[in-house]
Amino acid sequence: MDRRLFLLAATASAAPAFAIEGVATEEDLPNLRSIVVAGPSGILDQQGFNGFSPERPTNIKSASKSVISALVGIAIDRGFLGSPDQPMAPILMDRIPADPDDRLSRVTIGHLMSMQAGLERQSGANYGRWVSSPNWVRHALAAPFVTEPGTRMLYSTASTHLLSAILTRVTGRSTLDLARDWLGAVPEFRITGWDQDPQGIYLGGNQMAMSTRSLAAFGQLYLNRGRAPDGTRVLPQTWIEASWVPRTRSVFSGDGYGYGWFMRRIGGVQAYYGWGYGGQMLYVLPAVSRVIAITSNPNVPSARTGYRDRLHRLSASLIGT
């Protein structure tokens, strides 16, 4: 099909027309690698920058936490897990310290997803020591409590790694195998690389390689209320709705956080987004029927430099607001 006709058919929604070209430039955004903008039916526009293409995999860093959230939702729907209120400790009992803090028994699956476990963060300054430990799950569970479970947000990749360990335990399958199987009906969804811990558990919430097109395809699953383009039900709509309920708030950005998703208003409309170090962004904007996936250099910070905020503004421009 002629590209212009394809774009005309795919953009039959309330959002105005746009083009990436001219909105984002390599000169203004030297860390940028690729942008893909999609609607419910397919890609509307895409562009690579600085020698990269939308098909080339990038380490999406913590944007992969949204993928872990989806797998947890499917596991609950299929009966491998009970609910977000299910306690985590009985599942990982053999990794619990010998003399555990009583509060471990009160940490739930939902607390891990919303970063409200209360355990000391294993991100930031503690990340290197955590991933250098011989058993990442045991190390995370032995961390001291900083606050009570279910209270303030303590952003920690250890929380989503515990979810990966839980999924592995209750299904008897690796998290990578689950992702490829349970999300396999989503066209172009591909995980091309993923680090593992010393016990072979895939790192929940970091070090996952995916192309920008694949990231956009994952976002379309949420835009389409859990269905693949052919109508196959992949993710319960109720799980998407639960994931997008703000349960806490980031002390760094002030943005709300649900189950693996941040939320804020972008260009005057509600946006739900995954964010990874360096500027790996996945925005889902139901009000304008848009998904925006952005990948960037994963080795350069994006928060304290202001780059992440520039990507927020770029996304507003891409939806024409």
C-alpha atoms as a PDB file:
ATOM      1  CA  MET A   1       0.000   0.000   0.000  1.00  0.00           C
ATOM      2  CA  ASP A   2       1.155   3.531  -0.747  1.00  0.00           C
ATOM      3  CA  ARG A   3       2.620   4.958   2.502  1.00  0.00           C
ATOM      4  CA  ARG A   4       0.470   8.082   2.306  1.00  0.00           C
ATOM      5  CA  LEU A   5      -2.696   6.008   1.994  1.00  0.00           C
ATOM      6  CA  PHE A   6      -1.587   3.795   4.889  1.00  0.00           C
ATOM      7  CA  LEU A   7      -1.027   6.807   7.105  1.00  0.00           C
ATOM      8  CA  LEU A   8      -4.393   8.273   6.136  1.00  0.00           C
ATOM      9  CA  ALA A   9      -6.166   5.017   7.026  1.00  0.00           C
ATOM     10  CA  ALA A  10      -4.285   4.520  10.283  1.00  0.00           C
ATOM     11  CA  THR A  11      -4.791   8.032  11.602  1.00  0.00           C
ATOM     12  CA  ALA A  12      -8.563   8.087  11.483  1.00  0.00           C
ATOM     13  CA  SER A  13      -8.806   9.372  15.047  1.00  0.00           C
ATOM     14  CA  ALA A  14      -9.251  12.652  16.852  1.00  0.00           C
ATOM     15  CA  ALA A  15      -5.542  13.460  17.076  1.00  0.00           C
ATOM     16  CA  PRO A  16      -4.099  15.853  14.513  1.00  0.00           C
ATOM     17  CA  ALA A  17      -1.592  14.804  11.858  1.00  0.00           C
ATOM     18  CA  PHE A  18       2.106  15.138  12.568  1.00  0.00           C
ATOM     19  CA  ALA A  19       5.522  14.054  11.307  1.00  0.00           C
ATOM     20  CA  ILE A  20       8.578  13.181  13.363  1.00  0.00           C
ATOM     21  CA  GLU A  21      10.841  14.888  10.869  1.00  0.00           C
ATOM     22  CA  GLY A  22      11.336  18.467  11.926  1.00  0.00           C
ATOM     23  CA  VAL A  23      10.122  17.870  15.478  1.00  0.00           C
ATOM     24  CA  ALA A  24      13.158  15.865  16.633  1.00  0.00           C
ATOM     25  CA  THR A  25      16.694  16.487  15.390  1.00  0.00           C
ATOM     26  CA  GLU A  26      20.073  14.925  16.111  1.00  0.00           C
ATOM     27  CA  GLU A  27      21.506  18.347  16.829  1.00  0.00           C
ATOM     28  CA  ASP A  28      19.006  19.062  19.595  1.00  0.00           C
ATOM     29  CA  LEU A  29      18.907  15.504  20.970  1.00  0.00           C
ATOM     30  CA  PRO A  30      22.313  13.872  20.434  1.00  0.00           C
ATOM     31  CA  ASN A  31      21.442  10.872  22.652  1.00  0.00           C
ATOM     32  CA  LEU A  32      18.337   9.991  20.634  1.00  0.00           C
ATOM     33  CA  ARG A  33      18.312   6.650  18.788  1.00  0.00           C
ATOM     34  CA  SER A  34      14.827   6.109  17.426  1.00  0.00           C
ATOM     35  CA  ILE A  35      11.197   7.220  17.615  1.00  0.00           C
ATOM     36  CA  VAL A  36       8.130   5.214  16.634  1.00  0.00           C
ATOM     37  CA  VAL A  37       4.619   6.661  16.769  1.00  0.00           C
ATOM     38  CA  ALA A  38       1.722   4.230  16.447  1.00  0.00           C
ATOM     39  CA  GLY A  39      -2.050   4.200  16.556  1.00  0.00           C
ATOM     40  CA  PRO A  40      -4.405   1.306  17.308  1.00  0.00           C
ATOM     41  CA  SER A  41      -3.898  -0.244  13.862  1.00  0.00           C
ATOM     42  CA  GLY A  42      -0.223   0.217  13.164  1.00  0.00           C
ATOM     43  CA  ILE A  43       2.778   2.484  12.880  1.00  0.00           C
ATOM     44  CA  LEU A  44       2.051   6.039  11.837  1.00  0.00           C
ATOM     45  CA  ASP A  45       5.604   7.318  11.562  1.00  0.00           C
ATOM     46  CA  GLN A  46       9.093   6.245  12.578  1.00  0.00           C
ATOM     47  CA  GLN A  47      12.611   7.570  12.319  1.00  0.00           C
ATOM     48  CA  GLY A  48      16.111   6.583  13.374  1.00  0.00           C
ATOM     49  CA  PHE A  49      18.771   9.005  14.580  1.00  0.00           C
ATOM     50  CA  ASN A  50      22.529   9.030  15.006  1.00  0.00           C
ATOM     51  CA  GLY A  51      23.060   5.903  12.923  1.00  0.00           C
ATOM     52  CA  PHE A  52      20.305   3.840  14.567  1.00  0.00           C
ATOM     53  CA  SER A  53      17.077   2.484  13.110  1.00  0.00           C
ATOM     54  CA  PRO A  54      13.690   1.598  14.659  1.00  0.00           C
ATOM     55  CA  GLU A  55      14.470  -2.090  14.051  1.00  0.00           C
ATOM     56  CA  ARG A  56      17.775  -2.079  15.933  1.00  0.00           C
ATOM     57  CA  PRO A  57      17.589  -3.415  19.522  1.00  0.00           C
ATOM     58  CA  THR A  58      18.504  -1.155  22.428  1.00  0.00           C
ATOM     59  CA  ASN A  59      18.766  -1.861  26.136  1.00  0.00           C
ATOM     60  CA  ILE A  60      15.430  -0.468  27.312  1.00  0.00           C
ATOM     61  CA  LYS A  61      16.576  -0.484  30.951  1.00  0.00           C
ATOM     62  CA  SER A  62      13.745   0.101  33.439  1.00  0.00           C
ATOM     63  CA  ALA A  63      11.106   0.486  30.741  1.00  0.00           C
ATOM     64  CA  SER A  64      11.130  -3.320  30.993  1.00  0.00           C
ATOM     65  CA  LYS A  65       9.382  -3.004  34.374  1.00  0.00           C
ATOM     66  CA  SER A  66       6.166  -2.454  32.414  1.00  0.00           C
ATOM     67  CA  VAL A  67       6.753  -5.813  30.693  1.00  0.00           C
ATOM     68  CA  ILE A  68       7.181  -7.539  34.068  1.00  0.00           C
ATOM     69  CA  SER A  69       3.900  -5.967  35.191  1.00  0.00           C
ATOM     70  CA  ALA A  70       2.125  -7.407  32.154  1.00  0.00           C
ATOM     71  CA  LEU A  71       3.487 -10.883  32.884  1.00  0.00           C
ATOM     72  CA  VAL A  72       2.283 -10.665  36.485  1.00  0.00           C
ATOM     73  CA  GLY A  73      -1.185  -9.681  35.258  1.00  0.00           C
ATOM     74  CA  ILE A  74      -1.316 -12.648  32.896  1.00  0.00           C
ATOM     75  CA  ALA A  75      -0.063 -14.980  35.650  1.00  0.00           C
ATOM     76  CA  ILE A  76      -2.920 -13.835  37.886  1.00  0.00           C
ATOM     77  CA  ASP A  77      -5.423 -14.266  35.052  1.00  0.00           C
ATOM     78  CA  ARG A  78      -4.159 -17.818  34.402  1.00  0.00           C
ATOM     79  CA  GLY A  79      -4.273 -18.805  38.042  1.00  0.00           C
ATOM     80  CA  PHE A  80      -0.549 -19.048  38.755  1.00  0.00           C
ATOM     81  CA  LEU A  81      -0.900 -16.181  41.232  1.00  0.00           C
ATOM     82  CA  GLY A  82      -3.904 -15.248  43.319  1.00  0.00           C
ATOM     83  CA  SER A  83      -4.084 -11.455  43.271  1.00  0.00           C
ATOM     84  CA  PRO A  84      -1.946  -8.382  43.903  1.00  0.00           C
ATOM     85  CA  ASP A  85      -2.781  -8.825  47.592  1.00  0.00           C
ATOM     86  CA  GLN A  86      -1.065 -12.219  47.730  1.00  0.00           C
ATOM     87  CA  PRO A  87       1.893 -12.271  50.172  1.00  0.00           C
ATOM     88  CA  MET A  88       5.248 -12.819  48.517  1.00  0.00           C
ATOM     89  CA  ALA A  89       7.064 -14.599  51.383  1.00  0.00           C
ATOM     90  CA  PRO A  90       5.473 -18.086  51.090  1.00  0.00           C
ATOM     91  CA  ILE A  91       6.525 -18.296  47.434  1.00  0.00           C
ATOM     92  CA  LEU A  92      10.162 -17.420  48.152  1.00  0.00           C
ATOM     93  CA  MET A  93      10.375 -19.040  51.599  1.00  0.00           C
ATOM     94  CA  ASP A  94      13.681 -20.798  50.872  1.00  0.00           C
ATOM     95  CA  ARG A  95      15.293 -17.421  50.116  1.00  0.00           C
ATOM     96  CA  ILE A  96      13.994 -15.662  53.243  1.00  0.00           C
ATOM     97  CA  PRO A  97      16.677 -14.907  55.893  1.00  0.00           C
ATOM     98  CA  ALA A  98      16.891 -17.276  58.857  1.00  0.00           C
ATOM     99  CA  ASP A  99      15.718 -14.619  61.307  1.00  0.00           C
ATOM    100  CA  PRO A 100      13.483 -12.460  59.093  1.00  0.00           C
ATOM    101  CA  ASP A 101      11.935  -9.123  59.858  1.00  0.00           C
ATOM    102  CA  ASP A 102       8.240  -9.743  60.558  1.00  0.00           C
ATOM    103  CA  ARG A 103       7.353  -7.151  57.955  1.00  0.00           C
ATOM    104  CA  LEU A 104       8.468  -9.500  55.158  1.00  0.00           C
ATOM    105  CA  SER A 105       5.279 -11.469  55.722  1.00  0.00           C
ATOM    106  CA  ARG A 106       3.255  -8.339  54.914  1.00  0.00           C
ATOM    107  CA  VAL A 107       4.900  -7.554  51.575  1.00  0.00           C
ATOM    108  CA  THR A 108       2.536  -8.400  48.723  1.00  0.00           C
ATOM    109  CA  ILE A 109       2.842  -8.898  44.980  1.00  0.00           C
ATOM    110  CA  GLY A 110       1.177  -5.503  44.565  1.00  0.00           C
ATOM    111  CA  HIS A 111       3.676  -3.812  46.869  1.00  0.00           C
ATOM    112  CA  LEU A 112       6.530  -5.088  44.722  1.00  0.00           C
ATOM    113  CA  MET A 113       4.893  -3.812  41.546  1.00  0.00           C
ATOM    114  CA  SER A 114       4.149  -0.367  42.966  1.00  0.00           C
ATOM    115  CA  MET A 115       7.562  -0.004  44.634  1.00  0.00           C
ATOM    116  CA  GLN A 116       5.989   0.034  48.093  1.00  0.00           C
ATOM    117  CA  ALA A 117       7.722  -3.007  49.585  1.00  0.00           C
ATOM    118  CA  GLY A 118       9.396  -0.855  52.233  1.00  0.00           C
ATOM    119  CA  LEU A 119      12.758  -2.587  51.776  1.00  0.00           C
ATOM    120  CA  GLU A 120      15.945  -0.590  51.257  1.00  0.00           C
ATOM    121  CA  ARG A 121      16.409   0.332  47.608  1.00  0.00           C
ATOM    122  CA  GLN A 122      18.739  -1.798  45.505  1.00  0.00           C
ATOM    123  CA  SER A 123      18.867   0.846  42.781  1.00  0.00           C
ATOM    124  CA  GLY A 124      21.013   3.964  42.648  1.00  0.00           C
ATOM    125  CA  ALA A 125      24.035   3.769  44.937  1.00  0.00           C
ATOM    126  CA  ASN A 126      23.187   0.211  46.071  1.00  0.00           C
ATOM    127  CA  TYR A 127      22.727  -1.286  42.607  1.00  0.00           C
ATOM    128  CA  GLY A 128      26.336  -2.324  41.980  1.00  0.00           C
ATOM    129  CA  ARG A 129      26.667  -4.096  45.318  1.00  0.00           C
ATOM    130  CA  TRP A 130      23.357  -5.883  44.770  1.00  0.00           C
ATOM    131  CA  VAL A 131      24.238  -7.267  41.303  1.00  0.00           C
ATOM    132  CA  SER A 132      27.698  -8.248  42.581  1.00  0.00           C
ATOM    133  CA  SER A 133      26.158 -10.460  45.267  1.00  0.00           C
ATOM    134  CA  PRO A 134      26.090 -14.248  44.739  1.00  0.00           C
ATOM    135  CA  ASN A 135      22.290 -14.464  45.125  1.00  0.00           C
ATOM    136  CA  TRP A 136      20.293 -11.407  44.097  1.00  0.00           C
ATOM    137  CA  VAL A 137      16.976 -12.692  45.453  1.00  0.00           C
ATOM    138  CA  ARG A 138      18.403 -13.583  48.861  1.00  0.00           C
ATOM    139  CA  HIS A 139      20.288 -10.271  49.022  1.00  0.00           C
ATOM    140  CA  ALA A 140      17.128  -8.275  48.245  1.00  0.00           C
ATOM    141  CA  LEU A 141      15.093 -10.118  50.867  1.00  0.00           C
ATOM    142  CA  ALA A 142      17.797  -9.567  53.491  1.00  0.00           C
ATOM    143  CA  ALA A 143      17.793  -5.787  52.979  1.00  0.00           C
ATOM    144  CA  PRO A 144      16.603  -3.735  55.958  1.00  0.00           C
ATOM    145  CA  PHE A 145      13.207  -2.087  55.982  1.00  0.00           C
ATOM    146  CA  VAL A 146      13.287   1.671  55.473  1.00  0.00           C
ATOM    147  CA  THR A 147       9.540   2.167  55.839  1.00  0.00           C
ATOM    148  CA  GLU A 148       6.405   0.105  56.333  1.00  0.00           C
ATOM    149  CA  PRO A 149       5.116  -2.063  53.447  1.00  0.00           C
ATOM    150  CA  GLY A 150       2.412  -0.320  51.444  1.00  0.00           C
ATOM    151  CA  THR A 151       3.478   3.216  52.283  1.00  0.00           C
ATOM    152  CA  ARG A 152       5.834   5.510  50.375  1.00  0.00           C
ATOM    153  CA  MET A 153       7.533   4.682  47.093  1.00  0.00           C
ATOM    154  CA  LEU A 154      11.093   3.305  47.198  1.00  0.00           C
ATOM    155  CA  TYR A 155      12.076   2.776  43.566  1.00  0.00           C
ATOM    156  CA  SER A 156      14.100  -0.434  43.439  1.00  0.00           C
ATOM    157  CA  THR A 157      14.897  -2.840  40.622  1.00  0.00           C
ATOM    158  CA  ALA A 158      15.176  -5.541  43.287  1.00  0.00           C
ATOM    159  CA  SER A 159      11.384  -5.360  43.688  1.00  0.00           C
ATOM    160  CA  THR A 160      10.737  -6.244  40.057  1.00  0.00           C
ATOM    161  CA  HIS A 161      13.495  -8.850  40.148  1.00  0.00           C
ATOM    162  CA  LEU A 162      11.670 -10.531  43.018  1.00  0.00           C
ATOM    163  CA  LEU A 163       8.626 -10.591  40.733  1.00  0.00           C
ATOM    164  CA  SER A 164      10.693 -12.314  38.047  1.00  0.00           C
ATOM    165  CA  ALA A 165      11.789 -14.888  40.639  1.00  0.00           C
ATOM    166  CA  ILE A 166       8.179 -15.362  41.741  1.00  0.00           C
ATOM    167  CA  LEU A 167       6.985 -15.883  38.168  1.00  0.00           C
ATOM    168  CA  THR A 168       9.765 -18.401  37.598  1.00  0.00           C
ATOM    169  CA  ARG A 169       8.880 -20.264  40.792  1.00  0.00           C
ATOM    170  CA  VAL A 170       5.097 -20.490  40.328  1.00  0.00           C
ATOM    171  CA  THR A 171       5.193 -21.420  36.616  1.00  0.00           C
ATOM    172  CA  GLY A 172       8.363 -23.529  36.498  1.00  0.00           C
ATOM    173  CA  ARG A 173       9.430 -21.569  33.409  1.00  0.00           C
ATOM    174  CA  SER A 174      11.881 -18.762  32.791  1.00  0.00           C
ATOM    175  CA  THR A 175      10.546 -15.235  32.549  1.00  0.00           C
ATOM    176  CA  LEU A 176      11.943 -14.966  29.012  1.00  0.00           C
ATOM    177  CA  ASP A 177      10.042 -18.101  28.009  1.00  0.00           C
ATOM    178  CA  LEU A 178       6.863 -16.670  29.533  1.00  0.00           C
ATOM    179  CA  ALA A 179       7.290 -13.355  27.711  1.00  0.00           C
ATOM    180  CA  ARG A 180       7.816 -15.058  24.373  1.00  0.00           C
ATOM    181  CA  ASP A 181       4.826 -17.328  24.919  1.00  0.00           C
ATOM    182  CA  TRP A 182       2.291 -15.092  26.658  1.00  0.00           C
ATOM    183  CA  LEU A 183       3.084 -11.987  24.601  1.00  0.00           C
ATOM    184  CA  GLY A 184       3.820 -13.873  21.395  1.00  0.00           C
ATOM    185  CA  ALA A 185       0.525 -12.889  19.767  1.00  0.00           C
ATOM    186  CA  VAL A 186       1.678  -9.260  19.696  1.00  0.00           C
ATOM    187  CA  PRO A 187       3.219  -8.620  16.254  1.00  0.00           C
ATOM    188  CA  GLU A 188       6.845  -7.493  16.338  1.00  0.00           C
ATOM    189  CA  PHE A 189       7.189  -8.048  20.075  1.00  0.00           C
ATOM    190  CA  ARG A 190      10.692  -9.437  20.484  1.00  0.00           C
ATOM    191  CA  ILE A 191      13.118  -9.589  23.389  1.00  0.00           C
ATOM    192  CA  THR A 192      16.526 -10.051  21.783  1.00  0.00           C
ATOM    193  CA  GLY A 193      18.671 -10.038  24.909  1.00  0.00           C
ATOM    194  CA  TRP A 194      18.168 -10.159  28.675  1.00  0.00           C
ATOM    195  CA  ASP A 195      20.629 -10.516  31.552  1.00  0.00           C
ATOM    196  CA  GLN A 196      20.271 -13.233  34.207  1.00  0.00           C
ATOM    197  CA  ASP A 197      21.277 -13.438  37.840  1.00  0.00           C
ATOM    198  CA  PRO A 198      23.732 -16.096  39.131  1.00  0.00           C
ATOM    199  CA  GLN A 199      20.838 -18.535  39.585  1.00  0.00           C
ATOM    200  CA  GLY A 200      19.652 -18.030  35.997  1.00  0.00           C
ATOM    201  CA  ILE A 201      16.636 -15.841  36.831  1.00  0.00           C
ATOM    202  CA  TYR A 202      16.106 -13.122  34.243  1.00  0.00           C
ATOM    203  CA  LEU A 203      16.662  -9.663  35.660  1.00  0.00           C
ATOM    204  CA  GLY A 204      13.210  -8.321  36.349  1.00  0.00           C
ATOM    205  CA  GLY A 205      13.088  -4.678  35.341  1.00  0.00           C
ATOM    206  CA  ASN A 206      16.454  -3.996  33.693  1.00  0.00           C
ATOM    207  CA  GLN A 207      18.970  -5.037  31.061  1.00  0.00           C
ATOM    208  CA  MET A 208      16.432  -6.106  28.430  1.00  0.00           C
ATOM    209  CA  ALA A 209      17.141  -5.530  24.721  1.00  0.00           C
ATOM    210  CA  MET A 210      14.268  -4.640  22.443  1.00  0.00           C
ATOM    211  CA  SER A 211      13.838  -2.589  19.284  1.00  0.00           C
ATOM    212  CA  THR A 212      11.862   0.638  19.313  1.00  0.00           C
ATOM    213  CA  ARG A 213       9.287  -0.991  17.044  1.00  0.00           C
ATOM    214  CA  SER A 214       8.929  -3.858  19.511  1.00  0.00           C
ATOM    215  CA  LEU A 215       8.500  -1.417  22.380  1.00  0.00           C
ATOM    216  CA  ALA A 216       5.786   0.379  20.406  1.00  0.00           C
ATOM    217  CA  ALA A 217       4.042  -2.939  19.690  1.00  0.00           C
ATOM    218  CA  PHE A 218       3.955  -3.647  23.411  1.00  0.00           C
ATOM    219  CA  GLY A 219       2.433  -0.213  23.979  1.00  0.00           C
ATOM    220  CA  GLN A 220      -0.227  -0.898  21.351  1.00  0.00           C
ATOM    221  CA  LEU A 221      -1.332  -3.901  23.417  1.00  0.00           C
ATOM    222  CA  TYR A 222      -2.235  -1.486  26.210  1.00  0.00           C
ATOM    223  CA  LEU A 223      -3.758   1.046  23.823  1.00  0.00           C
ATOM    224  CA  ASN A 224      -5.971  -1.721  22.431  1.00  0.00           C
ATOM    225  CA  ARG A 225      -7.142  -2.731  25.909  1.00  0.00           C
ATOM    226  CA  GLY A 226      -5.172  -5.954  26.034  1.00  0.00           C
ATOM    227  CA  ARG A 227      -5.900  -7.323  22.579  1.00  0.00           C
ATOM    228  CA  ALA A 228      -3.499  -8.086  19.746  1.00  0.00           C
ATOM    229  CA  PRO A 229      -4.362  -6.584  16.330  1.00  0.00           C
ATOM    230  CA  ASP A 230      -6.055  -9.841  15.263  1.00  0.00           C
ATOM    231  CA  GLY A 231      -8.374  -9.617  18.269  1.00  0.00           C
ATOM    232  CA  THR A 232      -6.593 -12.210  20.412  1.00  0.00           C
ATOM    233  CA  ARG A 233      -6.988 -11.445  24.111  1.00  0.00           C
ATOM    234  CA  VAL A 234      -3.446 -11.247  25.523  1.00  0.00           C
ATOM    235  CA  LEU A 235      -3.834  -9.172  28.673  1.00  0.00           C
ATOM    236  CA  PRO A 236      -6.971  -8.657  30.767  1.00  0.00           C
ATOM    237  CA  GLN A 237      -8.407  -5.166  30.361  1.00  0.00           C
ATOM    238  CA  THR A 238      -9.027  -5.137  34.100  1.00  0.00           C
ATOM    239  CA  TRP A 239      -5.290  -5.552  34.658  1.00  0.00           C
ATOM    240  CA  ILE A 240      -4.502  -2.544  32.480  1.00  0.00           C
ATOM    241  CA  GLU A 241      -7.010  -0.495  34.455  1.00  0.00           C
ATOM    242  CA  ALA A 242      -5.497  -1.687  37.752  1.00  0.00           C
ATOM    243  CA  SER A 243      -1.974  -0.943  36.521  1.00  0.00           C
ATOM    244  CA  TRP A 244      -2.922   2.637  35.717  1.00  0.00           C
ATOM    245  CA  VAL A 245      -4.347   3.457  39.139  1.00  0.00           C
ATOM    246  CA  PRO A 246      -1.874   5.794  40.904  1.00  0.00           C
ATOM    247  CA  ARG A 247      -0.885   3.989  44.106  1.00  0.00           C
ATOM    248  CA  THR A 248       2.076   6.129  45.107  1.00  0.00           C
ATOM    249  CA  ARG A 249       4.152   9.013  43.807  1.00  0.00           C
ATOM    250  CA  SER A 250       7.772   9.392  42.753  1.00  0.00           C
ATOM    251  CA  VAL A 251       9.808  11.569  45.113  1.00  0.00           C
ATOM    252  CA  PHE A 252      12.040  12.433  42.148  1.00  0.00           C
ATOM    253  CA  SER A 253       9.479  13.588  39.560  1.00  0.00           C
ATOM    254  CA  GLY A 254       6.221  13.878  41.485  1.00  0.00           C
ATOM    255  CA  ASP A 255       4.549  11.636  38.902  1.00  0.00           C
ATOM    256  CA  GLY A 256       2.072   8.985  39.969  1.00  0.00           C
ATOM    257  CA  TYR A 257       3.044   5.316  39.840  1.00  0.00           C
ATOM    258  CA  GLY A 258       0.857   2.245  39.522  1.00  0.00           C
ATOM    259  CA  TYR A 259       1.850  -1.310  38.667  1.00  0.00           C
ATOM    260  CA  GLY A 260       4.985  -0.769  36.587  1.00  0.00           C
ATOM    261  CA  TRP A 261       3.743   2.455  34.960  1.00  0.00           C
ATOM    262  CA  PHE A 262       4.280   6.136  35.682  1.00  0.00           C
ATOM    263  CA  MET A 263       1.554   8.621  34.883  1.00  0.00           C
ATOM    264  CA  ARG A 264       1.407  12.325  34.160  1.00  0.00           C
ATOM    265  CA  ARG A 265      -0.259  14.724  31.737  1.00  0.00           C
ATOM    266  CA  ILE A 266       1.572  15.164  28.442  1.00  0.00           C
ATOM    267  CA  GLY A 267       0.459  18.012  26.215  1.00  0.00           C
ATOM    268  CA  GLY A 268      -2.753  18.380  28.186  1.00  0.00           C
ATOM    269  CA  VAL A 269      -3.810  14.710  28.010  1.00  0.00           C
ATOM    270  CA  GLN A 270      -3.331  11.811  30.397  1.00  0.00           C
ATOM    271  CA  ALA A 271      -0.276   9.700  29.628  1.00  0.00           C
ATOM    272  CA  TYR A 272       0.859   6.397  31.087  1.00  0.00           C
ATOM    273  CA  TYR A 273       4.521   5.743  30.554  1.00  0.00           C
ATOM    274  CA  GLY A 274       7.404   3.409  31.143  1.00  0.00           C
ATOM    275  CA  TRP A 275      10.795   4.988  31.648  1.00  0.00           C
ATOM    276  CA  GLY A 276      14.284   3.532  31.510  1.00  0.00           C
ATOM    277  CA  TYR A 277      17.691   5.030  32.297  1.00  0.00           C
ATOM    278  CA  GLY A 278      19.110   7.097  29.482  1.00  0.00           C
ATOM    279  CA  GLY A 279      15.730   8.007  28.024  1.00  0.00           C
ATOM    280  CA  GLN A 280      14.011   4.759  27.042  1.00  0.00           C
ATOM    281  CA  MET A 281      10.383   5.880  26.942  1.00  0.00           C
ATOM    282  CA  LEU A 282       7.061   4.254  26.178  1.00  0.00           C
ATOM    283  CA  TYR A 283       4.037   6.554  26.276  1.00  0.00           C
ATOM    284  CA  VAL A 284       0.467   5.287  25.956  1.00  0.00           C
ATOM    285  CA  LEU A 285      -2.058   8.101  25.433  1.00  0.00           C
ATOM    286  CA  PRO A 286      -5.568   6.641  25.151  1.00  0.00           C
ATOM    287  CA  ALA A 287      -7.276  10.040  24.813  1.00  0.00           C
ATOM    288  CA  VAL A 288      -5.596  10.618  21.449  1.00  0.00           C
ATOM    289  CA  SER A 289      -5.172   6.936  20.460  1.00  0.00           C
ATOM    290  CA  ARG A 290      -1.397   7.173  20.336  1.00  0.00           C
ATOM    291  CA  VAL A 291       1.646   5.220  21.415  1.00  0.00           C
ATOM    292  CA  ILE A 292       5.068   6.850  21.333  1.00  0.00           C
ATOM    293  CA  ALA A 293       8.183   4.721  21.805  1.00  0.00           C
ATOM    294  CA  ILE A 294      11.567   6.423  22.131  1.00  0.00           C
ATOM    295  CA  THR A 295      14.977   4.846  22.608  1.00  0.00           C
ATOM    296  CA  SER A 296      18.161   6.686  23.490  1.00  0.00           C
ATOM    297  CA  ASN A 297      21.758   6.058  24.511  1.00  0.00           C
ATOM    298  CA  PRO A 298      21.343   3.788  27.580  1.00  0.00           C
ATOM    299  CA  ASN A 299      24.691   4.781  29.077  1.00  0.00           C
ATOM    300  CA  VAL A 300      23.942   8.452  29.762  1.00  0.00           C
ATOM    301  CA  PRO A 301      21.622   9.700  32.550  1.00  0.00           C
ATOM    302  CA  SER A 302      18.336  11.304  31.548  1.00  0.00           C
ATOM    303  CA  ALA A 303      16.693  12.554  34.755  1.00  0.00           C
ATOM    304  CA  ARG A 304      19.178  14.948  36.350  1.00  0.00           C
ATOM    305  CA  THR A 305      20.310  16.212  32.942  1.00  0.00           C
ATOM    306  CA  GLY A 306      16.802  17.325  31.980  1.00  0.00           C
ATOM    307  CA  TYR A 307      16.812  15.012  28.947  1.00  0.00           C
ATOM    308  CA  ARG A 308      13.798  13.021  30.165  1.00  0.00           C
ATOM    309  CA  ASP A 309      11.781  16.236  30.508  1.00  0.00           C
ATOM    310  CA  ARG A 310      12.791  17.198  26.970  1.00  0.00           C
ATOM    311  CA  LEU A 311      11.411  13.853  25.795  1.00  0.00           C
ATOM    312  CA  HIS A 312       8.139  14.614  27.594  1.00  0.00           C
ATOM    313  CA  ARG A 313       7.931  17.893  25.661  1.00  0.00           C
ATOM    314  CA  LEU A 314       8.886  16.137  22.426  1.00  0.00           C
ATOM    315  CA  SER A 315       6.066  13.655  22.923  1.00  0.00           C
ATOM    316  CA  ALA A 316       3.599  16.503  23.387  1.00  0.00           C
ATOM    317  CA  SER A 317       4.750  17.887  20.042  1.00  0.00           C
ATOM    318  CA  LEU A 318       4.348  14.499  18.382  1.00  0.00           C
ATOM    319  CA  ILE A 319       0.665  14.307  19.272  1.00  0.00           C
ATOM    320  CA  GLY A 320       0.107  17.824  17.990  1.00  0.00           C
ATOM    321  CA  THR A 321      -0.734  19.463  21.317  1.00  0.00           C
END
